[in-house]
Amino acid sequence: MGWVAEGHSNEEIAEKLYVSPLTVRTHVHRAMTKLGARDRAQLVVMAYQSGLVRAVPPAADRCRRSGENAGTRAWRRAGPSTTDP
């Protein structure tokens, strides 16, 4: 349900789980039936409301809040190059 809420297709979820898209479709449909969701969109709403997934602000917004820019964040991830003093 988490991957559905993140917007992944049945095919994408199937690749991650090494199962067929039909298996994913079956599980999504069963979750919808058990939770009383009319459609996939309502299943996504339920996932957010239950706290199963949380909204994450866009990367640029996170940079502004933390006082760094995307270049600084990329440098920290990669580390300094051997040519940096």
Foldseek 3Di string as FASTA:
>chain_A
DVVLLVPDQLCVVCVVVVHDSVVSVVVLVVVCVVVVNPDSVSVSVVCDVVVVDDDDDDPQVVCVVVVHGPVVVVCVVVDDDPPDD
